Amino acid sequence: MALGDSLNTMTLKEGQDLPLWRRPVALLAVMSFAMPIAFATWSALLNNFVVEVASFDGSDIGWLHTVREIPGFLAIGVIFLIIFIREQVLGLVALILMGTATAMTAQFPSLGGLLFVTLFSSIGFHYYETVNQSLQLQWIDKKRAPQVLGWLMSIGSGATLLTYLLIVVTWRAYDLSYDFVYWISGGVTAVLALVSLLLYPQFESPTPQTKKMVLRRRYWLYYALQFMSGARRQIFMVFAGFMMVERYGFEVHQITALYMVTLLANMVAAPFLGGLVARFGERLALIIEYTGLAMIFVLYAGLYVFDWGSGLAAALYILNHIFFALALAIKTYFQKIAAPEDIAPTAAVAFTINHIAAVFLPAGLGYLWLSSPTSVFVAAAGMALVSLGLSFLVPRHPEAGFETTVARLNVHPAE
């Protein structure tokens, strides 16, 4: 018996008869709101905290992010855990762990200490994200998935925006400390997750999930897209914000204001982008995303050659995030080609694949950053171009048996 089976359970169909705030999609919305509160605070304060308090250089920040990504690489462990713990319970427990670890971040102002607490925070984050992606694809109807995923992204962006706004307004006005802000934000995330664990019934997914590792030959393009997405995103997450602090001297309230504007743009854009995917398909969405990202990374590299200034750097940062929002097309592409029972185990496998490069790229590129930041962004542009090539293999109307443009109905769905 899995942990959670003794709690009140009901089918997704029965859940639709509950009050709106207790329905399955409402729980997904609460989870989407709770997670960014801790993560956004950790991200907003991190670069300033490690430079001002822990005296990090480019190599140190690279190692921190490498350690942060190890649990993502080990997300395949979710397959083992869901044998004993229901996915819904596991996701909320992971969220509690993430919030608690985030709250303790400022208690460890050294490289070793931050590696330690970041590891635990990351376990919570990555296991939550793995389960959350699985539940979204199981609980949301395929026809509505792009739009609903867009709205969930918008809710997450709204939570992040609120967090950034509070930091911007209060940081200097009340002379807040890193310790206080980390405790509050992490605590709020943990409490919201705990309340959700107690208030919501356990929703039964329509198809029992395979509780073993699943690697299907017909999913190869999905795996490849996930691998390239993880590699490319790591460069941006690790070095784009770090550049704003190290090169342009952004302070906490300035870097947080940049994040806030970015999230406001995402709140507006995400539902629109979800509609774009629903109307024109995953193929076009991914082509647009990767073309835009390749151009942006080339311009990032140019910032170090021509010194175009912090204004352009900030604009590129915002555009980068907007293009990243189109990555929801990878999720809906997989939802269309996947066997329903494969969603949970494949989400775990895909999360591991997504983080293969993340384990070694931040540390390796951290050393490269010390001598040539331009080369780091040139590498990211190259990765975006590889992803662009892969996106042309996505069919206009993908389905089981028609997973790529080069293999129509020549592979049995069970393979």
Protein backbone atom coordinates (compact mmCIF):
# COMPACT_ATOMS: atom_id res chain seq x y z
CA MET A 1 0.00 0.00 0.00
CA ALA A 2 1.39 3.39 -0.99
CA LEU A 3 1.58 6.17 1.57
CA GLY A 4 -1.58 8.22 1.08
CA ASP A 5 -3.91 5.31 0.19
CA SER A 6 -5.49 5.54 3.64
CA LEU A 7 -6.50 9.13 2.97
CA ASN A 8 -9.71 10.20 1.25
CA THR A 9 -9.43 9.18 -2.41
CA MET A 10 -11.61 9.89 -5.44
CA THR A 11 -11.41 9.76 -9.20
CA LEU A 12 -10.67 12.82 -11.30
CA LYS A 13 -14.26 12.75 -12.55
CA GLU A 14 -15.58 12.79 -8.98
CA GLY A 15 -13.15 15.61 -8.22
CA GLN A 16 -14.86 17.79 -10.80
CA ASP A 17 -17.99 17.81 -8.61
CA LEU A 18 -16.13 19.36 -5.68
CA PRO A 19 -16.12 23.11 -5.02
CA LEU A 20 -13.83 24.85 -7.49
CA TRP A 21 -11.07 25.44 -4.93
CA ARG A 22 -10.81 21.70 -4.12
CA ARG A 23 -10.71 20.32 -7.68
CA PRO A 24 -7.61 18.68 -9.17
CA VAL A 25 -6.73 21.66 -11.34
CA ALA A 26 -7.04 23.91 -8.28
CA LEU A 27 -4.44 21.81 -6.48
CA LEU A 28 -2.15 22.10 -9.49
CA ALA A 29 -2.67 25.87 -9.33
CA VAL A 30 -1.84 26.02 -5.60
CA MET A 31 1.31 23.99 -6.17
CA SER A 32 2.24 26.23 -9.10
CA PHE A 33 1.82 29.25 -6.82
CA ALA A 34 3.64 27.83 -3.77
CA MET A 35 6.85 26.59 -5.37
CA PRO A 36 8.03 29.90 -6.91
CA ILE A 37 7.80 31.77 -3.60
CA ALA A 38 10.81 29.89 -2.22
CA PHE A 39 12.58 29.38 -5.52
CA ALA A 40 12.17 32.98 -6.69
CA THR A 41 13.56 34.30 -3.42
CA TRP A 42 16.50 31.90 -3.53
CA SER A 43 17.24 32.93 -7.12
CA ALA A 44 16.77 36.67 -6.59
CA LEU A 45 19.11 36.86 -3.60
CA LEU A 46 21.59 34.16 -4.57
CA ASN A 47 24.03 36.08 -6.78
CA ASN A 48 24.30 38.99 -4.37
CA PHE A 49 24.45 36.69 -1.34
CA VAL A 50 27.28 34.55 -2.71
CA VAL A 51 29.29 37.59 -3.90
CA GLU A 52 28.74 39.86 -0.87
CA VAL A 53 28.64 37.31 1.96
CA ALA A 54 30.35 34.14 0.70
CA SER A 55 32.88 35.84 -1.65
CA PHE A 56 32.18 33.52 -4.61
CA ASP A 57 33.94 33.76 -7.98
CA GLY A 58 32.85 32.23 -11.30
CA SER A 59 34.25 28.82 -10.40
CA ASP A 60 32.41 28.72 -7.06
CA ILE A 61 29.04 29.63 -8.59
CA GLY A 62 29.60 26.95 -11.22
CA TRP A 63 30.18 24.30 -8.53
CA LEU A 64 27.12 25.46 -6.60
CA HIS A 65 24.90 24.99 -9.64
CA THR A 66 26.50 21.65 -10.45
CA VAL A 67 25.61 20.38 -6.98
CA ARG A 68 22.14 21.91 -7.34
CA GLU A 69 21.55 19.86 -10.47
CA ILE A 70 22.67 16.47 -9.10
CA PRO A 71 19.17 15.69 -7.69
CA GLY A 72 17.74 16.51 -11.11
CA PHE A 73 20.03 13.90 -12.59
CA LEU A 74 18.80 11.46 -9.93
CA ALA A 75 15.11 12.30 -10.49
CA ILE A 76 14.72 8.79 -11.85
CA GLY A 77 14.47 7.81 -8.17
CA VAL A 78 10.87 9.03 -8.30
CA ILE A 79 10.00 5.77 -10.09
CA PHE A 80 11.12 3.83 -7.01
CA LEU A 81 9.42 6.17 -4.55
CA ILE A 82 5.97 6.06 -6.20
CA ILE A 83 5.87 2.33 -5.44
CA PHE A 84 5.47 3.32 -1.78
CA ILE A 85 4.19 6.93 -1.93
CA ARG A 86 1.38 8.31 -4.05
CA GLU A 87 2.58 10.87 -6.56
CA GLN A 88 0.41 13.61 -5.12
CA VAL A 89 1.79 13.02 -1.61
CA LEU A 90 5.37 12.78 -2.87
CA GLY A 91 5.06 16.09 -4.73
CA LEU A 92 3.79 17.95 -1.67
CA VAL A 93 6.36 16.39 0.68
CA ALA A 94 9.11 17.40 -1.75
CA LEU A 95 7.72 20.93 -1.75
CA ILE A 96 7.86 21.00 2.06
CA LEU A 97 11.51 19.89 1.93
CA MET A 98 12.34 22.57 -0.60
CA GLY A 99 10.70 25.31 1.46
CA THR A 100 12.42 24.21 4.67
CA ALA A 101 15.87 24.04 3.07
CA THR A 102 15.40 27.43 1.41
CA ALA A 103 14.50 28.94 4.78
CA MET A 104 17.88 27.80 6.16
CA THR A 105 20.03 29.06 3.26
CA ALA A 106 21.52 32.11 4.97
CA GLN A 107 22.64 29.98 7.92
CA PHE A 108 25.45 28.54 5.77
CA PRO A 109 27.47 31.50 4.34
CA SER A 110 30.37 29.46 2.94
CA LEU A 111 31.02 27.33 -0.12
CA GLY A 112 30.76 24.06 1.81
CA GLY A 113 27.70 25.15 3.76
CA LEU A 114 25.87 26.43 0.71
CA LEU A 115 26.63 23.25 -1.21
CA PHE A 116 25.09 21.29 1.67
CA VAL A 117 21.84 23.24 2.06
CA THR A 118 21.47 23.71 -1.70
CA LEU A 119 21.60 19.95 -2.20
CA PHE A 120 18.60 19.43 0.10
CA SER A 121 16.66 22.31 -1.41
CA SER A 122 17.36 20.90 -4.84
CA ILE A 123 16.15 17.42 -3.90
CA GLY A 124 12.82 18.97 -2.95
CA PHE A 125 12.68 21.15 -6.06
CA HIS A 126 13.55 18.48 -8.62
CA TYR A 127 11.41 15.73 -7.14
CA TYR A 128 8.51 18.18 -6.92
CA GLU A 129 9.00 19.27 -10.53
CA THR A 130 9.16 15.67 -11.75
CA VAL A 131 5.92 14.73 -10.01
CA ASN A 132 4.22 18.00 -10.90
CA GLN A 133 4.91 17.51 -14.61
CA SER A 134 3.57 13.97 -14.40
CA LEU A 135 0.38 15.03 -12.61
CA GLN A 136 -0.25 17.85 -15.06
CA LEU A 137 -0.08 15.52 -18.05
CA GLN A 138 -2.26 12.90 -16.32
CA TRP A 139 -4.89 15.26 -14.93
CA ILE A 140 -5.32 17.71 -17.82
CA ASP A 141 -7.21 16.75 -20.98
CA LYS A 142 -5.02 16.67 -24.11
CA LYS A 143 -7.25 19.12 -25.98
CA ARG A 144 -7.01 21.71 -23.20
CA ALA A 145 -3.44 21.01 -22.15
CA PRO A 146 -1.61 23.87 -23.93
CA GLN A 147 -4.03 26.51 -22.63
CA VAL A 148 -4.20 25.10 -19.08
CA LEU A 149 -0.42 24.71 -18.92
CA GLY A 150 -0.13 28.30 -20.09
CA TRP A 151 -2.42 29.46 -17.28
CA LEU A 152 -0.51 27.40 -14.71
CA MET A 153 2.72 29.00 -15.93
CA SER A 154 1.04 32.38 -15.59
CA ILE A 155 0.05 31.58 -11.98
CA GLY A 156 3.63 30.58 -11.22
CA SER A 157 4.85 33.78 -12.82
CA GLY A 158 2.36 35.73 -10.72
CA ALA A 159 3.70 34.17 -7.51
CA THR A 160 7.23 34.96 -8.58
CA LEU A 161 6.25 38.51 -9.51
CA LEU A 162 4.64 39.04 -6.10
CA THR A 163 7.77 37.71 -4.40
CA TYR A 164 10.05 39.99 -6.40
CA LEU A 165 7.77 42.99 -5.80
CA LEU A 166 7.89 42.45 -2.04
CA ILE A 167 11.68 42.19 -2.12
CA VAL A 168 12.05 45.34 -4.23
CA VAL A 169 9.68 47.37 -2.03
CA THR A 170 10.95 46.19 1.35
CA TRP A 171 14.64 45.30 0.92
CA ARG A 172 16.10 48.79 1.25
CA ALA A 173 13.11 50.48 2.91
CA TYR A 174 13.29 48.15 5.94
CA ASP A 175 16.96 47.18 5.66
CA LEU A 176 16.07 43.49 5.48
CA SER A 177 18.63 40.76 5.98
CA TYR A 178 19.23 37.71 3.81
CA ASP A 179 18.42 35.55 6.81
CA PHE A 180 14.98 37.08 7.40
CA VAL A 181 13.87 36.97 3.76
CA TYR A 182 14.97 33.36 3.25
CA TRP A 183 13.17 32.26 6.42
CA ILE A 184 9.89 33.95 5.45
CA SER A 185 9.78 32.80 1.81
CA GLY A 186 10.82 29.22 2.52
CA GLY A 187 8.37 29.03 5.41
CA VAL A 188 5.43 30.23 3.28
CA THR A 189 6.14 27.57 0.63
CA ALA A 190 6.40 24.81 3.24
CA VAL A 191 3.17 25.88 4.98
CA LEU A 192 1.19 26.06 1.72
CA ALA A 193 2.37 22.57 0.79
CA LEU A 194 1.49 21.19 4.23
CA VAL A 195 -1.99 22.74 4.13
CA SER A 196 -2.55 21.28 0.64
CA LEU A 197 -1.47 17.86 1.90
CA LEU A 198 -4.14 18.05 4.62
CA LEU A 199 -7.03 19.72 2.76
CA TYR A 200 -7.13 18.04 -0.65
CA PRO A 201 -8.38 14.49 -1.28
CA GLN A 202 -6.13 12.02 -3.09
CA PHE A 203 -7.08 12.09 -6.76
CA GLU A 204 -6.88 8.81 -8.68
CA SER A 205 -5.40 9.21 -12.15
CA PRO A 206 -7.44 7.47 -14.88
CA THR A 207 -4.60 5.13 -15.86
CA PRO A 208 -2.37 3.29 -13.33
CA GLN A 209 1.24 4.28 -13.89
CA THR A 210 4.06 1.90 -14.71
CA LYS A 211 6.30 1.74 -11.63
CA LYS A 212 9.57 0.88 -13.36
CA MET A 213 11.99 2.69 -15.61
CA VAL A 214 10.60 3.18 -19.12
CA LEU A 215 12.82 3.81 -22.13
CA ARG A 216 10.98 3.61 -25.44
CA ARG A 217 12.74 3.82 -28.78
CA ARG A 218 9.83 5.80 -30.20
CA TYR A 219 10.34 8.55 -27.58
CA TRP A 220 13.90 9.25 -28.76
CA LEU A 221 13.13 12.74 -30.09
CA TYR A 222 11.49 13.72 -26.80
CA TYR A 223 14.60 12.54 -24.96
CA ALA A 224 16.86 14.51 -27.31
CA LEU A 225 14.82 17.69 -26.91
CA GLN A 226 14.95 17.29 -23.13
CA PHE A 227 18.73 16.80 -23.13
CA MET A 228 19.39 19.90 -25.24
CA SER A 229 16.88 21.95 -23.27
CA GLY A 230 18.66 21.11 -20.02
CA ALA A 231 22.11 21.91 -21.37
CA ARG A 232 21.06 25.22 -22.89
CA ARG A 233 18.98 26.35 -19.94
CA GLN A 234 21.81 25.72 -17.49
CA ILE A 235 24.05 28.26 -19.21
CA PHE A 236 21.36 30.90 -18.97
CA MET A 237 20.35 30.14 -15.38
CA VAL A 238 23.91 30.04 -14.08
CA PHE A 239 25.59 32.86 -15.96
CA ALA A 240 23.00 35.39 -17.22
CA GLY A 241 22.06 36.64 -13.75
CA PHE A 242 25.63 36.29 -12.48
CA MET A 243 26.76 38.52 -15.37
CA MET A 244 24.33 41.25 -14.32
CA VAL A 245 25.92 41.37 -10.85
CA GLU A 246 29.57 40.73 -11.73
CA ARG A 247 29.83 42.84 -14.91
CA TYR A 248 27.19 45.54 -14.44
CA GLY A 249 27.13 45.78 -10.64
CA PHE A 250 23.39 45.22 -10.15
CA GLU A 251 22.33 45.39 -6.50
CA VAL A 252 19.68 43.17 -4.87
CA HIS A 253 16.78 45.54 -5.54
CA GLN A 254 17.94 46.08 -9.15
CA ILE A 255 18.38 42.43 -10.04
CA THR A 256 15.06 41.65 -8.37
CA ALA A 257 13.38 44.45 -10.32
CA LEU A 258 14.71 42.89 -13.52
CA TYR A 259 13.31 39.52 -12.49
CA MET A 260 10.01 41.20 -11.66
CA VAL A 261 9.66 42.80 -15.09
CA THR A 262 10.59 39.48 -16.65
CA LEU A 263 7.87 37.65 -14.75
CA LEU A 264 5.28 40.32 -15.55
CA ALA A 265 6.06 39.76 -19.22
CA ASN A 266 5.71 36.00 -18.72
CA MET A 267 2.38 36.37 -16.94
CA VAL A 268 0.99 38.15 -19.98
CA ALA A 269 2.73 35.98 -22.55
CA ALA A 270 2.28 32.45 -21.14
CA PRO A 271 -1.49 32.04 -21.79
CA PHE A 272 -1.02 33.58 -25.24
CA LEU A 273 1.86 31.20 -25.99
CA GLY A 274 -0.23 28.26 -24.78
CA GLY A 275 -2.91 29.29 -27.26
CA LEU A 276 -0.25 29.59 -29.97
CA VAL A 277 0.85 26.00 -29.36
CA ALA A 278 -2.76 24.78 -29.37
CA ARG A 279 -3.51 26.54 -32.66
CA PHE A 280 -0.30 26.08 -34.67
CA GLY A 281 1.23 23.01 -33.04
CA GLU A 282 4.37 22.11 -31.18
CA ARG A 283 6.61 22.08 -34.26
CA LEU A 284 6.21 25.78 -35.09
CA ALA A 285 6.39 26.80 -31.43
CA LEU A 286 9.72 25.02 -30.95
CA ILE A 287 11.15 26.42 -34.18
CA ILE A 288 10.28 29.95 -33.04
CA GLU A 289 11.71 29.31 -29.57
CA TYR A 290 15.08 27.96 -30.70
CA THR A 291 15.57 30.52 -33.46
CA GLY A 292 14.98 33.31 -30.97
CA LEU A 293 17.22 31.77 -28.31
CA ALA A 294 20.11 31.30 -30.74
CA MET A 295 19.96 34.98 -31.69
CA ILE A 296 19.75 36.07 -28.06
CA PHE A 297 22.79 34.05 -27.00
CA VAL A 298 24.81 35.49 -29.89
CA LEU A 299 23.90 38.97 -28.65
CA TYR A 300 24.86 37.97 -25.10
CA ALA A 301 28.31 37.07 -26.41
CA GLY A 302 28.45 40.43 -28.17
CA LEU A 303 27.93 42.23 -24.86
CA TYR A 304 31.45 41.25 -23.85
CA VAL A 305 32.97 42.14 -27.22
CA PHE A 306 31.26 45.48 -27.85
CA ASP A 307 30.06 46.49 -24.36
CA TRP A 308 26.57 47.49 -25.47
CA GLY A 309 25.59 48.23 -21.88
CA SER A 310 23.32 46.93 -19.13
CA GLY A 311 20.13 48.11 -20.86
CA LEU A 312 20.50 45.66 -23.73
CA ALA A 313 21.62 42.92 -21.32
CA ALA A 314 18.42 43.41 -19.32
CA ALA A 315 16.26 43.41 -22.47
CA LEU A 316 17.86 40.17 -23.66
CA TYR A 317 17.26 38.61 -20.24
CA ILE A 318 13.53 39.38 -20.51
CA LEU A 319 13.25 38.11 -24.09
CA ASN A 320 15.10 34.94 -23.15
CA HIS A 321 12.51 34.09 -20.52
CA ILE A 322 9.63 34.72 -22.90
CA PHE A 323 11.10 32.33 -25.45
CA PHE A 324 11.69 29.76 -22.71
CA ALA A 325 7.93 29.76 -22.02
CA LEU A 326 7.41 28.04 -25.36
CA ALA A 327 9.09 24.98 -23.86
CA LEU A 328 5.61 23.88 -22.74
CA ALA A 329 5.39 22.55 -26.31
CA ILE A 330 7.81 19.76 -25.34
CA LYS A 331 5.37 18.66 -22.62
CA THR A 332 2.34 18.64 -24.89
CA TYR A 333 4.32 16.91 -27.66
CA PHE A 334 5.08 14.07 -25.26
CA GLN A 335 1.50 13.97 -23.98
CA LYS A 336 0.30 13.37 -27.56
CA ILE A 337 2.75 10.56 -28.36
CA ALA A 338 2.87 8.80 -24.97
CA ALA A 339 1.04 5.74 -23.76
CA PRO A 340 -1.01 6.97 -20.75
CA GLU A 341 0.67 4.53 -18.35
CA ASP A 342 4.12 5.80 -19.37
CA ILE A 343 3.68 9.39 -18.21
CA ALA A 344 4.99 9.13 -14.62
CA PRO A 345 8.05 6.93 -15.29
CA THR A 346 8.93 8.82 -18.47
CA ALA A 347 8.66 12.15 -16.65
CA ALA A 348 11.28 10.87 -14.21
CA VAL A 349 13.52 9.53 -16.97
CA ALA A 350 13.15 12.74 -18.97
CA PHE A 351 14.03 14.86 -15.93
CA THR A 352 17.18 12.81 -15.49
CA ILE A 353 18.06 13.21 -19.17
CA ASN A 354 17.36 16.93 -18.90
CA HIS A 355 19.96 17.16 -16.14
CA ILE A 356 22.76 15.03 -17.60
CA ALA A 357 24.56 18.10 -18.95
CA ALA A 358 23.60 20.10 -15.88
CA VAL A 359 25.84 17.96 -13.68
CA PHE A 360 29.06 18.90 -15.48
CA LEU A 361 28.31 22.03 -17.54
CA PRO A 362 28.08 24.65 -14.74
CA ALA A 363 31.39 23.64 -13.15
CA GLY A 364 33.19 23.20 -16.47
CA LEU A 365 31.90 26.42 -17.96
CA GLY A 366 32.59 28.19 -14.67
CA TYR A 367 36.30 27.72 -15.33
CA LEU A 368 35.84 28.84 -18.95
CA TRP A 369 33.98 31.91 -17.66
CA LEU A 370 37.09 33.04 -15.80
CA SER A 371 38.96 33.48 -19.10
CA SER A 372 36.24 33.95 -21.74
CA PRO A 373 32.60 34.71 -20.84
CA THR A 374 31.95 35.22 -24.56
CA SER A 375 32.75 31.57 -25.27
CA VAL A 376 30.16 30.45 -22.73
CA PHE A 377 27.36 32.24 -24.57
CA VAL A 378 28.65 31.12 -27.97
CA ALA A 379 28.35 27.53 -26.71
CA ALA A 380 24.75 28.24 -25.67
CA ALA A 381 23.96 29.61 -29.14
CA GLY A 382 25.35 26.42 -30.67
CA MET A 383 23.13 24.31 -28.43
CA ALA A 384 20.09 26.35 -29.46
CA LEU A 385 20.90 25.65 -33.12
CA VAL A 386 21.11 21.91 -32.44
CA SER A 387 17.68 22.12 -30.75
CA LEU A 388 16.38 24.01 -33.78
CA GLY A 389 17.47 21.16 -36.03
CA LEU A 390 15.67 18.65 -33.80
CA SER A 391 12.48 20.73 -33.80
CA PHE A 392 12.08 20.22 -37.55
CA LEU A 393 11.59 16.50 -36.83
CA VAL A 394 8.47 17.16 -34.72
CA PRO A 395 5.32 16.39 -36.78
CA ARG A 396 2.60 19.01 -37.19
CA HIS A 397 0.14 16.57 -35.57
CA PRO A 398 2.17 14.13 -33.44
CA GLU A 399 0.57 10.96 -32.12
CA ALA A 400 1.51 7.43 -31.10
CA GLY A 401 3.07 5.86 -34.19
CA PHE A 402 3.84 9.26 -35.72
CA GLU A 403 6.38 10.60 -33.26
CA THR A 404 8.75 12.12 -35.83
CA THR A 405 8.55 13.34 -39.41
CA VAL A 406 10.92 10.60 -40.54
CA ALA A 407 9.09 7.63 -39.07
CA ARG A 408 5.36 7.48 -39.72
CA LEU A 409 3.61 4.37 -38.43
CA ASN A 410 6.69 2.19 -38.82
CA VAL A 411 7.27 1.57 -35.10
CA HIS A 412 4.70 -0.20 -32.96
CA PRO A 413 3.63 2.04 -30.01
CA ALA A 414 4.65 -0.63 -27.53
CA GLU A 415 8.29 -0.50 -28.56
